[in-house]
Amino acid sequence: MSEQKPTKRRVSGGRVTAKGTRPEGYTSDTFSHTGLDEQRDPSPPWVPVLMFALFGLGLATILLNYVGSFWDTNNGILLLGLGMILGGIITATEYR
């Protein structure tokens, strides 16, 4: 018994629209990335400070939770530390 490979279909590719056409209302700077970046102001200095503070406090909270030196190991404390780290990640997405 010999297996036959399925035959490959030939699909003709190519442009859908004619070369050189532009969408209605298109200008050369419509999709420029520099135009959008120039409109945004840089972040204030407290944004990276808050970001690293949340990362550090979240990490310290999780580590102290597992060491158990200040309180017993608790899932609520672990979630608080994870929440602080998530807050740092959200702050990092707003940094410009």
N, C-alpha and C. Protein backbone atom coordinates (compact mmCIF):
# COMPACT_ATOMS: atom_id res chain seq x y z
N MET A 1 0.83 -1.17 0.00
CA MET A 1 0.00 0.00 0.00
C MET A 1 0.89 1.25 0.00
N SER A 2 0.70 2.11 -0.94
CA SER A 2 1.48 3.34 -0.97
C SER A 2 0.54 4.52 -0.78
N GLU A 3 0.99 5.41 0.06
CA GLU A 3 0.18 6.61 0.31
C GLU A 3 0.54 7.68 -0.68
N GLN A 4 -0.45 8.32 -1.23
CA GLN A 4 -0.20 9.41 -2.16
C GLN A 4 -0.32 10.73 -1.41
N LYS A 5 0.59 11.61 -1.73
CA LYS A 5 0.53 12.94 -1.13
C LYS A 5 -0.57 13.73 -1.81
N PRO A 6 -1.27 14.55 -1.06
CA PRO A 6 -2.32 15.36 -1.70
C PRO A 6 -1.69 16.37 -2.66
N THR A 7 -2.37 16.64 -3.71
CA THR A 7 -1.85 17.60 -4.68
C THR A 7 -2.01 19.01 -4.14
N LYS A 8 -1.01 19.82 -4.39
CA LYS A 8 -1.04 21.20 -3.91
C LYS A 8 -1.87 22.05 -4.85
N ARG A 9 -2.67 22.92 -4.24
CA ARG A 9 -3.44 23.86 -5.04
C ARG A 9 -2.59 25.05 -5.38
N ARG A 10 -2.70 25.51 -6.56
CA ARG A 10 -2.01 26.74 -6.95
C ARG A 10 -2.97 27.89 -6.79
N VAL A 11 -2.54 28.86 -6.00
CA VAL A 11 -3.37 30.04 -5.75
C VAL A 11 -2.67 31.21 -6.40
N SER A 12 -3.39 31.91 -7.23
CA SER A 12 -2.76 33.07 -7.86
C SER A 12 -2.83 34.23 -6.89
N GLY A 13 -1.67 34.75 -6.53
CA GLY A 13 -1.60 35.87 -5.60
C GLY A 13 -1.43 37.17 -6.35
N GLY A 14 -1.41 38.22 -5.64
CA GLY A 14 -1.19 39.51 -6.26
C GLY A 14 -1.96 40.59 -5.56
N ARG A 15 -1.89 41.75 -6.12
CA ARG A 15 -2.55 42.91 -5.53
C ARG A 15 -4.06 42.80 -5.68
N VAL A 16 -4.74 43.35 -4.69
CA VAL A 16 -6.19 43.43 -4.76
C VAL A 16 -6.59 44.75 -5.40
N THR A 17 -5.86 45.80 -5.05
CA THR A 17 -6.16 47.12 -5.64
C THR A 17 -5.08 47.46 -6.65
N ALA A 18 -5.39 48.36 -7.52
CA ALA A 18 -4.42 48.77 -8.54
C ALA A 18 -3.27 49.51 -7.89
N LYS A 19 -2.08 49.34 -8.45
CA LYS A 19 -0.89 49.98 -7.91
C LYS A 19 -1.02 51.50 -8.01
N GLY A 20 -0.65 52.18 -6.92
CA GLY A 20 -0.67 53.63 -6.92
C GLY A 20 -1.95 54.25 -6.41
N THR A 21 -2.93 53.44 -6.03
CA THR A 21 -4.18 54.02 -5.51
C THR A 21 -4.02 54.30 -4.02
N ARG A 22 -4.75 55.26 -3.52
CA ARG A 22 -4.71 55.64 -2.10
C ARG A 22 -6.13 55.64 -1.55
N PRO A 23 -6.27 55.32 -0.26
CA PRO A 23 -7.59 55.40 0.35
C PRO A 23 -8.08 56.84 0.40
N GLU A 24 -9.39 57.01 0.50
CA GLU A 24 -9.97 58.35 0.54
C GLU A 24 -9.51 59.06 1.81
N GLY A 25 -9.11 60.30 1.70
CA GLY A 25 -8.67 61.08 2.85
C GLY A 25 -7.26 60.78 3.30
N TYR A 26 -6.50 60.04 2.52
CA TYR A 26 -5.14 59.67 2.90
C TYR A 26 -4.19 60.82 2.61
N THR A 27 -3.35 61.13 3.60
CA THR A 27 -2.25 62.07 3.38
C THR A 27 -0.97 61.40 3.81
N SER A 28 0.15 61.93 3.42
CA SER A 28 1.42 61.27 3.70
C SER A 28 1.73 61.22 5.19
N ASP A 29 1.20 62.17 5.98
CA ASP A 29 1.50 62.16 7.42
C ASP A 29 0.40 61.50 8.26
N THR A 30 -0.58 60.86 7.61
CA THR A 30 -1.67 60.24 8.36
C THR A 30 -1.15 59.14 9.27
N PHE A 31 -0.21 58.37 8.80
CA PHE A 31 0.27 57.23 9.56
C PHE A 31 1.69 57.46 10.09
N SER A 32 2.15 58.68 10.14
CA SER A 32 3.51 58.91 10.63
C SER A 32 3.55 58.75 12.14
N HIS A 33 4.56 58.09 12.62
CA HIS A 33 4.69 57.85 14.05
C HIS A 33 5.25 59.07 14.76
N THR A 34 6.01 59.89 14.07
CA THR A 34 6.60 61.05 14.73
C THR A 34 5.55 62.08 15.06
N GLY A 35 4.51 62.18 14.28
CA GLY A 35 3.45 63.13 14.57
C GLY A 35 2.74 62.84 15.87
N LEU A 36 2.56 61.56 16.19
CA LEU A 36 1.91 61.20 17.43
C LEU A 36 2.83 61.39 18.63
N ASP A 37 4.11 61.09 18.48
CA ASP A 37 5.05 61.20 19.58
C ASP A 37 5.29 62.65 19.99
N GLU A 38 5.23 63.55 19.04
CA GLU A 38 5.49 64.94 19.36
C GLU A 38 4.38 65.55 20.18
N GLN A 39 3.18 64.99 20.12
CA GLN A 39 2.05 65.54 20.86
C GLN A 39 2.06 65.13 22.32
N ARG A 40 2.79 64.09 22.69
CA ARG A 40 2.77 63.59 24.06
C ARG A 40 3.90 64.22 24.85
N ASP A 41 3.59 64.64 26.07
CA ASP A 41 4.60 65.20 26.95
C ASP A 41 5.32 64.07 27.67
N PRO A 42 6.56 64.31 28.08
CA PRO A 42 7.26 63.26 28.84
C PRO A 42 6.62 63.10 30.23
N SER A 43 6.83 61.94 30.81
CA SER A 43 6.25 61.66 32.13
C SER A 43 6.92 62.51 33.19
N PRO A 44 6.18 62.86 34.24
CA PRO A 44 6.80 63.57 35.35
C PRO A 44 7.79 62.65 36.08
N PRO A 45 8.72 63.22 36.83
CA PRO A 45 9.75 62.40 37.49
C PRO A 45 9.21 61.41 38.51
N TRP A 46 8.02 61.64 39.04
CA TRP A 46 7.52 60.73 40.07
C TRP A 46 7.02 59.41 39.49
N VAL A 47 6.81 59.32 38.18
CA VAL A 47 6.28 58.08 37.59
C VAL A 47 7.29 56.93 37.72
N PRO A 48 8.57 57.09 37.31
CA PRO A 48 9.48 55.97 37.51
C PRO A 48 9.78 55.69 38.99
N VAL A 49 9.73 56.73 39.82
CA VAL A 49 9.93 56.51 41.26
C VAL A 49 8.80 55.65 41.82
N LEU A 50 7.56 55.97 41.45
CA LEU A 50 6.42 55.17 41.88
C LEU A 50 6.51 53.74 41.35
N MET A 51 6.91 53.59 40.10
CA MET A 51 7.01 52.27 39.48
C MET A 51 8.00 51.39 40.25
N PHE A 52 9.21 51.91 40.48
CA PHE A 52 10.22 51.10 41.19
C PHE A 52 9.85 50.90 42.65
N ALA A 53 9.18 51.87 43.26
CA ALA A 53 8.74 51.71 44.64
C ALA A 53 7.71 50.59 44.75
N LEU A 54 6.77 50.54 43.82
CA LEU A 54 5.77 49.47 43.85
C LEU A 54 6.40 48.11 43.60
N PHE A 55 7.35 48.04 42.66
CA PHE A 55 8.07 46.78 42.43
C PHE A 55 8.79 46.33 43.70
N GLY A 56 9.53 47.26 44.31
CA GLY A 56 10.31 46.92 45.50
C GLY A 56 9.45 46.55 46.69
N LEU A 57 8.40 47.33 46.95
CA LEU A 57 7.52 47.02 48.07
C LEU A 57 6.78 45.70 47.86
N GLY A 58 6.37 45.43 46.63
CA GLY A 58 5.70 44.16 46.34
C GLY A 58 6.62 42.98 46.56
N LEU A 59 7.85 43.09 46.08
CA LEU A 59 8.83 42.02 46.27
C LEU A 59 9.15 41.82 47.75
N ALA A 60 9.35 42.93 48.47
CA ALA A 60 9.65 42.83 49.89
C ALA A 60 8.48 42.23 50.67
N THR A 61 7.27 42.59 50.31
CA THR A 61 6.09 42.05 50.98
C THR A 61 6.00 40.54 50.77
N ILE A 62 6.24 40.10 49.55
CA ILE A 62 6.17 38.66 49.26
C ILE A 62 7.27 37.91 50.01
N LEU A 63 8.49 38.46 49.98
CA LEU A 63 9.58 37.79 50.70
C LEU A 63 9.33 37.74 52.19
N LEU A 64 8.87 38.84 52.78
CA LEU A 64 8.58 38.85 54.22
C LEU A 64 7.42 37.92 54.56
N ASN A 65 6.50 37.73 53.64
CA ASN A 65 5.40 36.80 53.86
C ASN A 65 5.92 35.38 53.99
N TYR A 66 6.86 35.02 53.15
CA TYR A 66 7.38 33.64 53.19
C TYR A 66 8.36 33.42 54.32
N VAL A 67 9.07 34.46 54.73
CA VAL A 67 9.99 34.31 55.86
C VAL A 67 9.19 34.17 57.15
N GLY A 68 8.12 34.92 57.26
CA GLY A 68 7.25 34.81 58.43
C GLY A 68 7.79 35.52 59.65
N SER A 69 8.66 36.52 59.48
CA SER A 69 9.25 37.19 60.64
C SER A 69 8.31 38.21 61.27
N PHE A 70 7.44 38.84 60.50
CA PHE A 70 6.54 39.85 61.05
C PHE A 70 5.13 39.32 61.27
N TRP A 71 4.68 38.42 60.43
CA TRP A 71 3.34 37.87 60.53
C TRP A 71 3.38 36.44 60.01
N ASP A 72 2.34 35.71 60.28
CA ASP A 72 2.27 34.34 59.77
C ASP A 72 2.04 34.39 58.26
N THR A 73 2.45 33.32 57.59
CA THR A 73 2.24 33.23 56.15
C THR A 73 0.75 33.29 55.86
N ASN A 74 0.38 34.21 54.95
CA ASN A 74 -1.02 34.48 54.71
C ASN A 74 -1.21 34.75 53.22
N ASN A 75 -2.25 34.19 52.63
CA ASN A 75 -2.52 34.42 51.21
C ASN A 75 -2.89 35.87 50.92
N GLY A 76 -3.54 36.53 51.88
CA GLY A 76 -3.90 37.93 51.69
C GLY A 76 -2.67 38.82 51.53
N ILE A 77 -1.65 38.55 52.32
CA ILE A 77 -0.40 39.32 52.22
C ILE A 77 0.27 39.04 50.88
N LEU A 78 0.23 37.79 50.44
CA LEU A 78 0.80 37.43 49.14
C LEU A 78 0.07 38.17 48.02
N LEU A 79 -1.23 38.22 48.08
CA LEU A 79 -2.01 38.94 47.07
C LEU A 79 -1.74 40.43 47.12
N LEU A 80 -1.51 40.98 48.30
CA LEU A 80 -1.15 42.39 48.42
C LEU A 80 0.18 42.66 47.71
N GLY A 81 1.16 41.80 47.91
CA GLY A 81 2.45 41.96 47.24
C GLY A 81 2.32 41.82 45.73
N LEU A 82 1.54 40.85 45.28
CA LEU A 82 1.32 40.69 43.84
C LEU A 82 0.58 41.89 43.26
N GLY A 83 -0.35 42.44 44.03
CA GLY A 83 -1.08 43.62 43.59
C GLY A 83 -0.15 44.83 43.45
N MET A 84 0.81 44.96 44.36
CA MET A 84 1.77 46.06 44.24
C MET A 84 2.65 45.89 43.01
N ILE A 85 3.06 44.67 42.74
CA ILE A 85 3.87 44.43 41.54
C ILE A 85 3.04 44.72 40.29
N LEU A 86 1.78 44.32 40.29
CA LEU A 86 0.90 44.64 39.16
C LEU A 86 0.74 46.15 39.00
N GLY A 87 0.64 46.86 40.12
CA GLY A 87 0.58 48.32 40.06
C GLY A 87 1.83 48.91 39.44
N GLY A 88 3.00 48.31 39.74
CA GLY A 88 4.24 48.75 39.11
C GLY A 88 4.26 48.49 37.62
N ILE A 89 3.69 47.37 37.20
CA ILE A 89 3.63 47.06 35.77
C ILE A 89 2.69 48.03 35.06
N ILE A 90 1.56 48.32 35.68
CA ILE A 90 0.62 49.27 35.07
C ILE A 90 1.25 50.66 34.99
N THR A 91 1.98 51.05 36.02
CA THR A 91 2.68 52.34 35.99
C THR A 91 3.74 52.35 34.90
N ALA A 92 4.41 51.23 34.67
CA ALA A 92 5.44 51.16 33.64
C ALA A 92 4.85 51.34 32.26
N THR A 93 3.61 50.92 32.05
CA THR A 93 3.01 51.08 30.73
C THR A 93 2.66 52.54 30.45
N GLU A 94 2.55 53.36 31.48
CA GLU A 94 2.22 54.77 31.30
C GLU A 94 3.48 55.65 31.19
N TYR A 95 4.65 55.05 31.38
CA TYR A 95 5.90 55.84 31.35
C TYR A 95 6.26 56.19 29.92
N ARG A 96 6.57 57.47 29.68
CA ARG A 96 6.97 57.93 28.35
C ARG A 96 8.35 58.53 28.42
